[in-house]
Amino acid sequence: MVRDATLADDLVQECLERALSRLHLWRPGTNLRAWLFTILRNLHINGVRRRQPVVDIDAEAQAAIGAAPGSQFVRMELRDLRRALALLPNEQREVVLLIGLEGISYNEAADILAISIGTVKSRLSRGRRALRLLMEGHSPSDDADA
């Protein structure tokens, strides 16, 4: 979500503090992971709304990538992927990142985002299609049949 390990650690810590202070709101028998992801997502959105700067990959990580063979190609691919993700509508980006990056199930994504599983599937499908087109150098509107 935030592209920076330090910011991610801070976000997780704030999420856990918030969860502990509101533990009475969690209903036993429900999905604890989905509840925590919801808190994490809301904290992230609130931070974005406050226009906190989001730091890109730190210099250390870039140096590590730069030392690897073929690293320029990898850096370019990562840059292109970041740009393509940024161009997706927020609803599609959230689903693509939750399922594709975080590896959570469709059910968990539906719980976290408070939407139906069908909506998760359609947003994921549209998001993946748009990413593919963007990575190929096309606009998602260029190819409505893709």
N, C-alpha and C. Protein backbone atom coordinates (compact mmCIF):
# COMPACT_ATOMS: atom_id res chain seq x y z
N MET A 1 0.80 -1.20 0.00
CA MET A 1 0.00 0.00 0.00
C MET A 1 0.85 1.27 0.00
N VAL A 2 1.93 1.28 0.81
CA VAL A 2 2.66 2.53 0.99
C VAL A 2 4.04 2.56 0.34
N ARG A 3 4.55 1.43 -0.15
CA ARG A 3 5.82 1.37 -0.87
C ARG A 3 7.05 1.72 -0.04
N ASP A 4 6.93 1.77 1.28
CA ASP A 4 8.07 2.12 2.12
C ASP A 4 7.98 1.29 3.39
N ALA A 5 9.05 0.55 3.68
CA ALA A 5 9.04 -0.36 4.82
C ALA A 5 8.83 0.38 6.14
N THR A 6 9.44 1.51 6.31
CA THR A 6 9.29 2.27 7.56
C THR A 6 7.85 2.76 7.73
N LEU A 7 7.29 3.31 6.66
CA LEU A 7 5.90 3.75 6.73
C LEU A 7 4.95 2.57 6.96
N ALA A 8 5.26 1.44 6.33
CA ALA A 8 4.43 0.25 6.52
C ALA A 8 4.49 -0.20 7.98
N ASP A 9 5.68 -0.20 8.58
CA ASP A 9 5.81 -0.56 9.99
C ASP A 9 5.00 0.37 10.88
N ASP A 10 5.09 1.66 10.60
CA ASP A 10 4.33 2.64 11.38
C ASP A 10 2.82 2.41 11.24
N LEU A 11 2.40 2.11 10.02
CA LEU A 11 0.98 1.86 9.76
C LEU A 11 0.50 0.61 10.49
N VAL A 12 1.31 -0.44 10.47
CA VAL A 12 0.95 -1.68 11.17
C VAL A 12 0.89 -1.43 12.67
N GLN A 13 1.86 -0.71 13.21
CA GLN A 13 1.86 -0.41 14.63
C GLN A 13 0.61 0.39 15.03
N GLU A 14 0.28 1.39 14.23
CA GLU A 14 -0.91 2.19 14.50
C GLU A 14 -2.17 1.33 14.41
N CYS A 15 -2.19 0.41 13.45
CA CYS A 15 -3.32 -0.49 13.28
C CYS A 15 -3.49 -1.37 14.53
N LEU A 16 -2.38 -1.93 15.00
CA LEU A 16 -2.47 -2.79 16.18
C LEU A 16 -2.88 -2.01 17.43
N GLU A 17 -2.37 -0.79 17.56
CA GLU A 17 -2.78 0.06 18.69
C GLU A 17 -4.28 0.34 18.62
N ARG A 18 -4.75 0.68 17.44
CA ARG A 18 -6.18 0.96 17.26
C ARG A 18 -7.00 -0.29 17.56
N ALA A 19 -6.55 -1.44 17.06
CA ALA A 19 -7.29 -2.69 17.28
C ALA A 19 -7.35 -3.03 18.77
N LEU A 20 -6.23 -2.88 19.46
CA LEU A 20 -6.22 -3.18 20.90
C LEU A 20 -7.13 -2.23 21.68
N SER A 21 -7.14 -0.97 21.29
CA SER A 21 -7.97 -0.01 22.01
C SER A 21 -9.46 -0.21 21.71
N ARG A 22 -9.75 -0.90 20.62
CA ARG A 22 -11.15 -1.13 20.23
C ARG A 22 -11.47 -2.61 20.15
N LEU A 23 -10.75 -3.40 20.91
CA LEU A 23 -10.94 -4.85 20.89
C LEU A 23 -12.37 -5.24 21.23
N HIS A 24 -13.03 -4.44 22.03
CA HIS A 24 -14.42 -4.72 22.40
C HIS A 24 -15.36 -4.67 21.19
N LEU A 25 -14.92 -4.06 20.08
CA LEU A 25 -15.75 -3.98 18.88
C LEU A 25 -15.64 -5.22 17.99
N TRP A 26 -14.59 -6.02 18.21
CA TRP A 26 -14.42 -7.22 17.40
C TRP A 26 -15.37 -8.30 17.92
N ARG A 27 -16.04 -8.95 16.99
CA ARG A 27 -16.97 -10.00 17.36
C ARG A 27 -16.30 -11.36 17.22
N PRO A 28 -16.12 -12.09 18.33
CA PRO A 28 -15.52 -13.44 18.25
C PRO A 28 -16.31 -14.30 17.26
N GLY A 29 -15.57 -15.08 16.52
CA GLY A 29 -16.19 -15.92 15.50
C GLY A 29 -16.16 -15.29 14.12
N THR A 30 -15.84 -13.99 14.06
CA THR A 30 -15.71 -13.34 12.75
C THR A 30 -14.24 -13.39 12.33
N ASN A 31 -13.96 -12.96 11.14
CA ASN A 31 -12.62 -13.05 10.57
C ASN A 31 -11.74 -11.92 11.13
N LEU A 32 -10.84 -12.29 12.04
CA LEU A 32 -9.95 -11.32 12.67
C LEU A 32 -9.03 -10.66 11.64
N ARG A 33 -8.54 -11.44 10.70
CA ARG A 33 -7.64 -10.89 9.67
C ARG A 33 -8.34 -9.82 8.84
N ALA A 34 -9.59 -10.09 8.48
CA ALA A 34 -10.36 -9.11 7.69
C ALA A 34 -10.60 -7.84 8.51
N TRP A 35 -10.88 -7.99 9.80
CA TRP A 35 -11.10 -6.84 10.67
C TRP A 35 -9.83 -5.99 10.76
N LEU A 36 -8.68 -6.64 10.92
CA LEU A 36 -7.41 -5.91 11.00
C LEU A 36 -7.07 -5.24 9.67
N PHE A 37 -7.30 -5.92 8.55
CA PHE A 37 -7.05 -5.31 7.24
C PHE A 37 -7.95 -4.10 7.02
N THR A 38 -9.18 -4.18 7.50
CA THR A 38 -10.10 -3.05 7.37
C THR A 38 -9.57 -1.84 8.15
N ILE A 39 -9.12 -2.09 9.37
CA ILE A 39 -8.54 -1.00 10.17
C ILE A 39 -7.32 -0.43 9.46
N LEU A 40 -6.44 -1.31 8.96
CA LEU A 40 -5.23 -0.89 8.26
C LEU A 40 -5.57 -0.05 7.02
N ARG A 41 -6.51 -0.51 6.25
CA ARG A 41 -6.93 0.21 5.04
C ARG A 41 -7.49 1.59 5.39
N ASN A 42 -8.33 1.64 6.41
CA ASN A 42 -8.92 2.92 6.80
C ASN A 42 -7.86 3.89 7.31
N LEU A 43 -6.89 3.40 8.07
CA LEU A 43 -5.81 4.26 8.54
C LEU A 43 -5.01 4.80 7.35
N HIS A 44 -4.75 3.94 6.37
CA HIS A 44 -4.01 4.36 5.18
C HIS A 44 -4.79 5.44 4.42
N ILE A 45 -6.07 5.21 4.22
CA ILE A 45 -6.90 6.18 3.50
C ILE A 45 -6.93 7.51 4.25
N ASN A 46 -7.07 7.45 5.57
CA ASN A 46 -7.06 8.69 6.36
C ASN A 46 -5.74 9.43 6.21
N GLY A 47 -4.63 8.69 6.16
CA GLY A 47 -3.32 9.31 5.97
C GLY A 47 -3.21 9.98 4.61
N VAL A 48 -3.72 9.31 3.59
CA VAL A 48 -3.70 9.88 2.24
C VAL A 48 -4.55 11.14 2.20
N ARG A 49 -5.68 11.10 2.86
CA ARG A 49 -6.57 12.27 2.88
C ARG A 49 -5.90 13.46 3.57
N ARG A 50 -5.07 13.17 4.56
CA ARG A 50 -4.34 14.25 5.23
C ARG A 50 -3.15 14.70 4.39
N ARG A 51 -3.01 14.08 3.21
CA ARG A 51 -1.96 14.42 2.26
C ARG A 51 -0.56 14.22 2.83
N GLN A 52 -0.41 13.13 3.58
CA GLN A 52 0.92 12.80 4.05
C GLN A 52 1.72 12.32 2.86
N PRO A 53 2.96 12.76 2.75
CA PRO A 53 3.76 12.32 1.61
C PRO A 53 4.03 10.82 1.70
N VAL A 54 3.92 10.15 0.55
CA VAL A 54 4.24 8.73 0.47
C VAL A 54 5.62 8.62 -0.16
N VAL A 55 6.53 7.99 0.56
CA VAL A 55 7.90 7.86 0.11
C VAL A 55 8.02 6.65 -0.80
N ASP A 56 8.73 6.81 -1.89
CA ASP A 56 8.94 5.72 -2.83
C ASP A 56 10.03 4.80 -2.27
N ILE A 57 10.40 3.80 -3.02
CA ILE A 57 11.42 2.84 -2.59
C ILE A 57 12.65 3.60 -2.11
N ASP A 58 13.18 3.19 -0.97
CA ASP A 58 14.33 3.90 -0.40
C ASP A 58 15.60 3.62 -1.19
N ALA A 59 16.60 4.42 -0.95
CA ALA A 59 17.86 4.35 -1.70
C ALA A 59 18.53 3.00 -1.53
N GLU A 60 18.41 2.43 -0.34
CA GLU A 60 19.04 1.13 -0.07
C GLU A 60 18.46 0.04 -0.97
N ALA A 61 17.14 0.02 -1.08
CA ALA A 61 16.49 -0.98 -1.94
C ALA A 61 16.86 -0.74 -3.40
N GLN A 62 16.91 0.52 -3.82
CA GLN A 62 17.29 0.81 -5.19
C GLN A 62 18.73 0.38 -5.45
N ALA A 63 19.60 0.57 -4.48
CA ALA A 63 20.99 0.14 -4.64
C ALA A 63 21.08 -1.37 -4.77
N ALA A 64 20.27 -2.08 -3.98
CA ALA A 64 20.28 -3.54 -4.05
C ALA A 64 19.78 -4.01 -5.41
N ILE A 65 18.73 -3.37 -5.92
CA ILE A 65 18.23 -3.73 -7.25
C ILE A 65 19.27 -3.38 -8.31
N GLY A 66 19.94 -2.24 -8.13
CA GLY A 66 20.94 -1.79 -9.10
C GLY A 66 22.14 -2.71 -9.19
N ALA A 67 22.42 -3.48 -8.15
CA ALA A 67 23.57 -4.36 -8.14
C ALA A 67 23.31 -5.69 -8.83
N ALA A 68 22.05 -6.02 -9.06
CA ALA A 68 21.71 -7.31 -9.65
C ALA A 68 21.85 -7.27 -11.16
N PRO A 69 22.21 -8.44 -11.76
CA PRO A 69 22.28 -8.50 -13.23
C PRO A 69 20.90 -8.25 -13.83
N GLY A 70 20.86 -7.50 -14.91
CA GLY A 70 19.59 -7.19 -15.57
C GLY A 70 18.72 -6.25 -14.76
N SER A 71 19.34 -5.57 -13.82
CA SER A 71 18.57 -4.76 -12.88
C SER A 71 17.90 -3.56 -13.54
N GLN A 72 18.49 -3.03 -14.58
CA GLN A 72 17.88 -1.87 -15.23
C GLN A 72 16.52 -2.26 -15.81
N PHE A 73 16.46 -3.44 -16.40
CA PHE A 73 15.19 -3.92 -16.94
C PHE A 73 14.17 -4.11 -15.82
N VAL A 74 14.61 -4.71 -14.71
CA VAL A 74 13.72 -4.92 -13.56
C VAL A 74 13.22 -3.59 -13.02
N ARG A 75 14.12 -2.62 -12.88
CA ARG A 75 13.71 -1.30 -12.39
C ARG A 75 12.69 -0.65 -13.32
N MET A 76 12.91 -0.79 -14.62
CA MET A 76 11.98 -0.21 -15.58
C MET A 76 10.61 -0.89 -15.49
N GLU A 77 10.62 -2.22 -15.36
CA GLU A 77 9.36 -2.97 -15.24
C GLU A 77 8.62 -2.56 -13.96
N LEU A 78 9.34 -2.45 -12.85
CA LEU A 78 8.72 -2.04 -11.59
C LEU A 78 8.16 -0.62 -11.69
N ARG A 79 8.91 0.25 -12.32
CA ARG A 79 8.45 1.63 -12.51
C ARG A 79 7.18 1.65 -13.34
N ASP A 80 7.17 0.89 -14.42
CA ASP A 80 6.00 0.83 -15.29
C ASP A 80 4.80 0.24 -14.56
N LEU A 81 5.04 -0.80 -13.75
CA LEU A 81 3.96 -1.42 -12.99
C LEU A 81 3.40 -0.44 -11.97
N ARG A 82 4.28 0.30 -11.28
CA ARG A 82 3.82 1.31 -10.31
C ARG A 82 2.96 2.37 -11.00
N ARG A 83 3.41 2.82 -12.15
CA ARG A 83 2.65 3.82 -12.90
C ARG A 83 1.30 3.28 -13.34
N ALA A 84 1.30 2.04 -13.83
CA ALA A 84 0.05 1.43 -14.28
C ALA A 84 -0.91 1.26 -13.10
N LEU A 85 -0.41 0.82 -11.96
CA LEU A 85 -1.27 0.68 -10.78
C LEU A 85 -1.85 2.02 -10.36
N ALA A 86 -1.04 3.06 -10.45
CA ALA A 86 -1.50 4.40 -10.06
C ALA A 86 -2.61 4.90 -10.99
N LEU A 87 -2.65 4.41 -12.23
CA LEU A 87 -3.67 4.84 -13.18
C LEU A 87 -5.00 4.09 -13.02
N LEU A 88 -4.97 2.97 -12.28
CA LEU A 88 -6.21 2.23 -12.08
C LEU A 88 -7.16 3.01 -11.17
N PRO A 89 -8.45 2.85 -11.38
CA PRO A 89 -9.39 3.42 -10.41
C PRO A 89 -9.11 2.80 -9.03
N ASN A 90 -9.31 3.58 -7.99
CA ASN A 90 -8.98 3.14 -6.63
C ASN A 90 -9.64 1.80 -6.29
N GLU A 91 -10.89 1.60 -6.69
CA GLU A 91 -11.61 0.37 -6.37
C GLU A 91 -10.93 -0.84 -6.98
N GLN A 92 -10.44 -0.72 -8.21
CA GLN A 92 -9.74 -1.83 -8.86
C GLN A 92 -8.37 -2.03 -8.24
N ARG A 93 -7.66 -0.94 -7.97
CA ARG A 93 -6.31 -1.04 -7.39
C ARG A 93 -6.36 -1.75 -6.04
N GLU A 94 -7.34 -1.42 -5.21
CA GLU A 94 -7.45 -2.05 -3.89
C GLU A 94 -7.59 -3.57 -4.03
N VAL A 95 -8.48 -4.00 -4.90
CA VAL A 95 -8.72 -5.44 -5.07
C VAL A 95 -7.49 -6.12 -5.66
N VAL A 96 -6.88 -5.52 -6.66
CA VAL A 96 -5.69 -6.11 -7.28
C VAL A 96 -4.58 -6.26 -6.24
N LEU A 97 -4.37 -5.25 -5.41
CA LEU A 97 -3.30 -5.32 -4.40
C LEU A 97 -3.63 -6.30 -3.29
N LEU A 98 -4.87 -6.31 -2.82
CA LEU A 98 -5.23 -7.23 -1.75
C LEU A 98 -5.09 -8.68 -2.18
N ILE A 99 -5.58 -9.00 -3.36
CA ILE A 99 -5.55 -10.39 -3.82
C ILE A 99 -4.21 -10.74 -4.46
N GLY A 100 -3.71 -9.87 -5.33
CA GLY A 100 -2.47 -10.17 -6.04
C GLY A 100 -1.21 -10.02 -5.20
N LEU A 101 -1.15 -9.00 -4.38
CA LEU A 101 0.05 -8.74 -3.59
C LEU A 101 -0.03 -9.36 -2.21
N GLU A 102 -1.14 -9.15 -1.52
CA GLU A 102 -1.29 -9.66 -0.17
C GLU A 102 -1.66 -11.13 -0.14
N GLY A 103 -2.20 -11.63 -1.25
CA GLY A 103 -2.52 -13.05 -1.34
C GLY A 103 -3.73 -13.47 -0.51
N ILE A 104 -4.65 -12.55 -0.27
CA ILE A 104 -5.82 -12.92 0.51
C ILE A 104 -6.90 -13.50 -0.40
N SER A 105 -7.86 -14.17 0.19
CA SER A 105 -8.92 -14.80 -0.59
C SER A 105 -9.96 -13.78 -1.04
N TYR A 106 -10.79 -14.19 -1.99
CA TYR A 106 -11.86 -13.33 -2.45
C TYR A 106 -12.81 -13.00 -1.30
N ASN A 107 -13.10 -14.00 -0.47
CA ASN A 107 -13.99 -13.79 0.68
C ASN A 107 -13.43 -12.74 1.63
N GLU A 108 -12.13 -12.85 1.94
CA GLU A 108 -11.51 -11.89 2.84
C GLU A 108 -11.51 -10.49 2.23
N ALA A 109 -11.22 -10.40 0.94
CA ALA A 109 -11.25 -9.10 0.26
C ALA A 109 -12.64 -8.49 0.32
N ALA A 110 -13.66 -9.32 0.12
CA ALA A 110 -15.04 -8.84 0.19
C ALA A 110 -15.35 -8.32 1.59
N ASP A 111 -14.89 -9.04 2.62
CA ASP A 111 -15.11 -8.60 4.00
C ASP A 111 -14.40 -7.28 4.28
N ILE A 112 -13.15 -7.20 3.86
CA ILE A 112 -12.34 -6.00 4.13
C ILE A 112 -12.95 -4.77 3.46
N LEU A 113 -13.37 -4.93 2.21
CA LEU A 113 -13.87 -3.81 1.44
C LEU A 113 -15.38 -3.59 1.59
N ALA A 114 -16.02 -4.50 2.33
CA ALA A 114 -17.47 -4.43 2.55
C ALA A 114 -18.24 -4.41 1.22
N ILE A 115 -17.86 -5.33 0.33
CA ILE A 115 -18.54 -5.49 -0.96
C ILE A 115 -18.81 -6.97 -1.18
N SER A 116 -19.61 -7.30 -2.17
CA SER A 116 -19.91 -8.70 -2.45
C SER A 116 -18.74 -9.38 -3.16
N ILE A 117 -18.72 -10.69 -3.11
CA ILE A 117 -17.67 -11.46 -3.79
C ILE A 117 -17.75 -11.23 -5.30
N GLY A 118 -18.95 -11.12 -5.82
CA GLY A 118 -19.11 -10.84 -7.25
C GLY A 118 -18.47 -9.52 -7.64
N THR A 119 -18.61 -8.53 -6.78
CA THR A 119 -18.00 -7.23 -7.05
C THR A 119 -16.48 -7.33 -6.98
N VAL A 120 -15.97 -8.12 -6.03
CA VAL A 120 -14.52 -8.36 -5.95
C VAL A 120 -14.03 -8.97 -7.25
N LYS A 121 -14.72 -9.99 -7.73
CA LYS A 121 -14.31 -10.67 -8.96
C LYS A 121 -14.34 -9.74 -10.17
N SER A 122 -15.39 -8.93 -10.28
CA SER A 122 -15.47 -8.05 -11.44
C SER A 122 -14.40 -6.95 -11.38
N ARG A 123 -14.16 -6.39 -10.19
CA ARG A 123 -13.12 -5.37 -10.06
C ARG A 123 -11.73 -5.96 -10.33
N LEU A 124 -11.52 -7.18 -9.87
CA LEU A 124 -10.23 -7.84 -10.12
C LEU A 124 -10.04 -8.10 -11.60
N SER A 125 -11.07 -8.59 -12.25
CA SER A 125 -10.99 -8.87 -13.68
C SER A 125 -10.72 -7.58 -14.48
N ARG A 126 -11.47 -6.53 -14.17
CA ARG A 126 -11.26 -5.26 -14.87
C ARG A 126 -9.89 -4.67 -14.56
N GLY A 127 -9.47 -4.78 -13.31
CA GLY A 127 -8.16 -4.25 -12.93
C GLY A 127 -7.03 -4.98 -13.62
N ARG A 128 -7.11 -6.31 -13.67
CA ARG A 128 -6.07 -7.09 -14.35
C ARG A 128 -6.03 -6.77 -15.84
N ARG A 129 -7.21 -6.65 -16.45
CA ARG A 129 -7.28 -6.33 -17.88
C ARG A 129 -6.66 -4.96 -18.14
N ALA A 130 -7.01 -3.99 -17.31
CA ALA A 130 -6.47 -2.64 -17.47
C ALA A 130 -4.96 -2.63 -17.26
N LEU A 131 -4.47 -3.37 -16.26
CA LEU A 131 -3.02 -3.45 -16.03
C LEU A 131 -2.31 -4.04 -17.24
N ARG A 132 -2.87 -5.12 -17.77
CA ARG A 132 -2.26 -5.76 -18.95
C ARG A 132 -2.16 -4.77 -20.10
N LEU A 133 -3.25 -4.05 -20.36
CA LEU A 133 -3.24 -3.08 -21.46
C LEU A 133 -2.25 -1.95 -21.19
N LEU A 134 -2.22 -1.45 -19.97
CA LEU A 134 -1.29 -0.37 -19.64
C LEU A 134 0.15 -0.83 -19.76
N MET A 135 0.44 -2.05 -19.33
CA MET A 135 1.81 -2.57 -19.42
C MET A 135 2.22 -2.81 -20.88
N GLU A 136 1.23 -3.02 -21.74
CA GLU A 136 1.51 -3.19 -23.18
C GLU A 136 1.57 -1.84 -23.89
N GLY A 137 1.36 -0.77 -23.16
CA GLY A 137 1.46 0.56 -23.74
C GLY A 137 0.16 1.12 -24.30
N HIS A 138 -0.95 0.48 -23.97
CA HIS A 138 -2.26 0.94 -24.44
C HIS A 138 -3.03 1.57 -23.30
N SER A 139 -4.01 2.35 -23.65
CA SER A 139 -4.96 2.87 -22.66
C SER A 139 -6.05 1.82 -22.50
N PRO A 140 -6.55 1.60 -21.27
CA PRO A 140 -7.63 0.62 -21.10
C PRO A 140 -8.84 0.93 -21.97
N SER A 141 -9.06 2.19 -22.31
CA SER A 141 -10.20 2.55 -23.16
C SER A 141 -9.92 2.28 -24.64
N ASP A 142 -8.63 2.02 -24.99
CA ASP A 142 -8.28 1.72 -26.38
C ASP A 142 -8.91 0.43 -26.87
N ASP A 143 -9.05 -0.53 -25.94
CA ASP A 143 -9.49 -1.85 -26.34
C ASP A 143 -10.61 -2.31 -25.43
N ALA A 144 -11.82 -1.96 -25.74
CA ALA A 144 -12.96 -2.33 -24.91
C ALA A 144 -13.25 -3.82 -24.95
N ASP A 145 -12.75 -4.52 -25.97
CA ASP A 145 -13.02 -5.96 -26.11
C ASP A 145 -11.96 -6.81 -25.42
N ALA A 146 -10.89 -6.24 -24.89
CA ALA A 146 -9.79 -7.02 -24.33
C ALA A 146 -10.20 -7.79 -23.11
